[in-house]
Amino acid sequence: MIRPARSDDAAKILEFWNPLIRDTLVTFNPQEKTVTELQASIRDKAVLGHGFLVWDEGGAILGFASYTQFRGGEGYRRAMEHTIILAPGAHGRGIGRRLMAALEDHARSRGHHIMVAGVSGGNPAGRAFHAAIGYLEAGIMREAGFKFGSYHDLILMQKILN
């Protein structure tokens, strides 16, 4: 079931998100998140009217998708950037597709025009996933991220929502 994230989901989300932060190039962020930080992010997105959705399967959180404004300033207020992360056992079940469809519907209902994905060059599965759900490559920022002692490309992908 897809539902809005709650504060008490934070610890369950971090069980699968922090290993990706720590051990992979899915994100360039090298710092694991804390429960308090994630609870604040869930709360802040709710205040802003931005989506933070989870896939809840009998109390087990198997994934989340969220968005916030792509860049600061009034000129970007209809351009959103998302994050989607699934638990290891959730891949290949359509959960990511359904989370993204719900997240895009959420953004559309609030008048947002574009959704952006910033995909690590070290995450070919993420790039393929976004292409499969209609995201087009908008550009490559060469060596934009630094992790594990070297620079990595950032692929920007986009989908027009309306």
Protein backbone atom coordinates (compact mmCIF):
# COMPACT_ATOMS: atom_id res chain seq x y z
CA MET A 1 0.00 0.00 0.00
CA ILE A 2 1.25 3.47 -0.86
CA ARG A 3 0.73 6.10 1.81
CA PRO A 4 2.30 9.34 3.05
CA ALA A 5 5.40 8.81 5.18
CA ARG A 6 5.11 9.28 8.92
CA SER A 7 7.75 10.22 11.43
CA ASP A 8 7.80 6.68 12.83
CA ASP A 9 8.79 5.32 9.37
CA ALA A 10 12.23 6.95 9.55
CA ALA A 11 14.11 4.14 11.29
CA LYS A 12 12.67 1.50 8.91
CA ILE A 13 13.61 3.59 5.87
CA LEU A 14 17.17 4.05 7.11
CA GLU A 15 17.63 0.29 7.45
CA PHE A 16 17.80 0.08 3.64
CA TRP A 17 18.85 3.64 2.74
CA ASN A 18 21.94 4.01 4.90
CA PRO A 19 23.68 0.91 3.45
CA LEU A 20 23.24 2.45 -0.02
CA ILE A 21 24.71 5.72 1.22
CA ARG A 22 27.60 3.93 2.89
CA ASP A 23 28.42 1.26 0.32
CA THR A 24 27.31 2.31 -3.18
CA LEU A 25 27.36 5.06 -5.78
CA VAL A 26 23.55 5.33 -5.81
CA THR A 27 24.11 8.60 -3.97
CA PHE A 28 27.21 10.74 -3.73
CA ASN A 29 26.40 11.67 -0.14
CA PRO A 30 28.95 9.89 2.08
CA GLN A 31 27.19 10.68 5.37
CA GLU A 32 24.60 8.26 6.65
CA LYS A 33 21.33 9.88 7.70
CA THR A 34 20.02 9.91 11.24
CA VAL A 35 16.47 9.19 12.32
CA THR A 36 16.14 12.79 13.51
CA GLU A 37 17.29 14.18 10.14
CA LEU A 38 14.90 11.97 8.22
CA GLN A 39 12.01 12.80 10.53
CA ALA A 40 12.70 16.49 9.89
CA SER A 41 12.76 15.87 6.12
CA ILE A 42 9.41 14.06 6.25
CA ARG A 43 7.94 16.91 8.31
CA ASP A 44 9.44 19.66 6.11
CA LYS A 45 8.13 18.10 2.88
CA ALA A 46 4.66 17.82 4.42
CA VAL A 47 4.72 21.52 5.40
CA LEU A 48 5.78 22.47 1.85
CA GLY A 49 3.13 20.24 0.29
CA HIS A 50 5.80 18.08 -1.34
CA GLY A 51 5.32 14.34 -1.54
CA PHE A 52 7.04 11.79 0.66
CA LEU A 53 5.40 8.44 0.02
CA VAL A 54 6.20 4.97 1.30
CA TRP A 55 5.32 1.45 0.23
CA ASP A 56 3.97 -0.19 3.38
CA GLU A 57 3.50 -3.94 3.23
CA GLY A 58 2.00 -5.08 6.51
CA GLY A 59 4.10 -2.64 8.50
CA ALA A 60 7.32 -3.33 6.57
CA ILE A 61 8.49 -0.29 4.62
CA LEU A 62 9.83 -1.59 1.29
CA GLY A 63 10.56 1.72 -0.39
CA PHE A 64 9.96 5.44 -0.54
CA ALA A 65 9.76 8.22 -3.08
CA SER A 66 9.88 11.92 -2.28
CA TYR A 67 10.39 15.22 -4.01
CA THR A 68 11.32 18.79 -3.34
CA GLN A 69 12.04 21.87 -5.42
CA PHE A 70 14.82 21.28 -7.97
CA ARG A 71 16.58 24.60 -7.35
CA GLY A 72 15.85 27.56 -5.14
CA GLY A 73 14.01 30.64 -6.27
CA GLU A 74 10.61 31.51 -7.65
CA GLY A 75 11.54 30.66 -11.23
CA TYR A 76 11.94 26.99 -10.28
CA ARG A 77 8.83 26.63 -8.10
CA ARG A 78 7.21 24.20 -10.56
CA ALA A 79 10.36 22.10 -11.15
CA MET A 80 10.78 19.23 -8.69
CA GLU A 81 13.57 16.72 -8.09
CA HIS A 82 12.84 13.32 -6.63
CA THR A 83 14.49 10.54 -4.71
CA ILE A 84 13.36 6.94 -4.90
CA ILE A 85 14.92 4.15 -2.86
CA LEU A 86 13.75 0.55 -2.50
CA ALA A 87 14.65 -2.11 0.01
CA PRO A 88 16.70 -4.94 -1.53
CA GLY A 89 13.81 -7.43 -1.60
CA ALA A 90 11.48 -4.94 -3.29
CA HIS A 91 13.23 -4.76 -6.67
CA GLY A 92 11.53 -6.29 -9.68
CA ARG A 93 8.02 -6.28 -8.19
CA GLY A 94 6.69 -3.06 -9.73
CA ILE A 95 6.92 -1.19 -6.44
CA GLY A 96 9.22 1.49 -7.86
CA ARG A 97 6.96 2.10 -10.85
CA ARG A 98 3.89 2.42 -8.65
CA LEU A 99 5.64 4.69 -6.15
CA MET A 100 6.82 6.96 -8.98
CA ALA A 101 3.36 7.05 -10.60
CA ALA A 102 1.84 8.07 -7.25
CA LEU A 103 4.57 10.64 -6.64
CA GLU A 104 4.14 12.15 -10.12
CA ASP A 105 0.36 12.29 -9.59
CA HIS A 106 0.98 14.06 -6.27
CA ALA A 107 3.22 16.63 -7.97
CA ARG A 108 0.77 17.13 -10.87
CA SER A 109 -2.11 17.72 -8.45
CA ARG A 110 -0.11 20.58 -6.94
CA GLY A 111 0.59 22.22 -10.29
CA HIS A 112 4.19 21.11 -10.74
CA HIS A 113 5.39 20.89 -14.33
CA ILE A 114 8.58 18.83 -14.40
CA MET A 115 10.20 16.08 -12.37
CA VAL A 116 13.99 15.74 -12.42
CA ALA A 117 16.08 12.69 -11.59
CA GLY A 118 19.74 13.12 -10.72
CA VAL A 119 21.19 9.65 -11.37
CA SER A 120 24.74 8.68 -10.52
CA GLY A 121 26.83 7.50 -13.45
CA GLY A 122 27.66 4.59 -11.15
CA ASN A 123 24.00 3.55 -11.06
CA PRO A 124 23.12 2.11 -14.49
CA ALA A 125 20.07 0.34 -13.04
CA GLY A 126 18.70 3.70 -11.86
CA ARG A 127 19.23 5.18 -15.29
CA ALA A 128 17.46 2.24 -16.97
CA PHE A 129 14.57 2.43 -14.48
CA HIS A 130 13.99 6.11 -15.18
CA ALA A 131 14.18 5.60 -18.94
CA ALA A 132 11.63 2.78 -18.66
CA ILE A 133 9.14 5.09 -16.92
CA GLY A 134 9.46 7.89 -19.44
CA TYR A 135 12.37 10.03 -18.23
CA LEU A 136 14.61 11.47 -20.91
CA GLU A 137 18.26 12.30 -20.50
CA ALA A 138 18.66 16.06 -20.20
CA GLY A 139 22.40 16.21 -19.72
CA ILE A 140 25.49 14.84 -18.08
CA MET A 141 27.47 16.77 -15.52
CA ARG A 142 30.94 15.29 -15.81
CA GLU A 143 32.66 14.49 -12.51
CA ALA A 144 30.02 16.34 -10.47
CA GLY A 145 30.12 13.92 -7.55
CA PHE A 146 33.00 12.70 -5.43
CA LYS A 147 32.89 9.45 -3.50
CA PHE A 148 35.21 6.56 -2.72
CA GLY A 149 38.22 8.65 -3.68
CA SER A 150 37.20 9.54 -7.22
CA TYR A 151 34.88 11.73 -9.28
CA HIS A 152 31.67 10.43 -10.86
CA ASP A 153 29.26 11.75 -13.47
CA LEU A 154 25.74 12.90 -12.66
CA ILE A 155 23.12 12.15 -15.31
CA LEU A 156 20.16 14.52 -15.24
CA MET A 157 16.91 13.03 -16.51
CA GLN A 158 13.54 14.71 -16.75
CA LYS A 159 9.87 14.07 -17.31
CA ILE A 160 7.31 16.70 -18.20
CA LEU A 161 4.32 16.07 -15.94
CA ASN A 162 1.60 17.95 -17.80
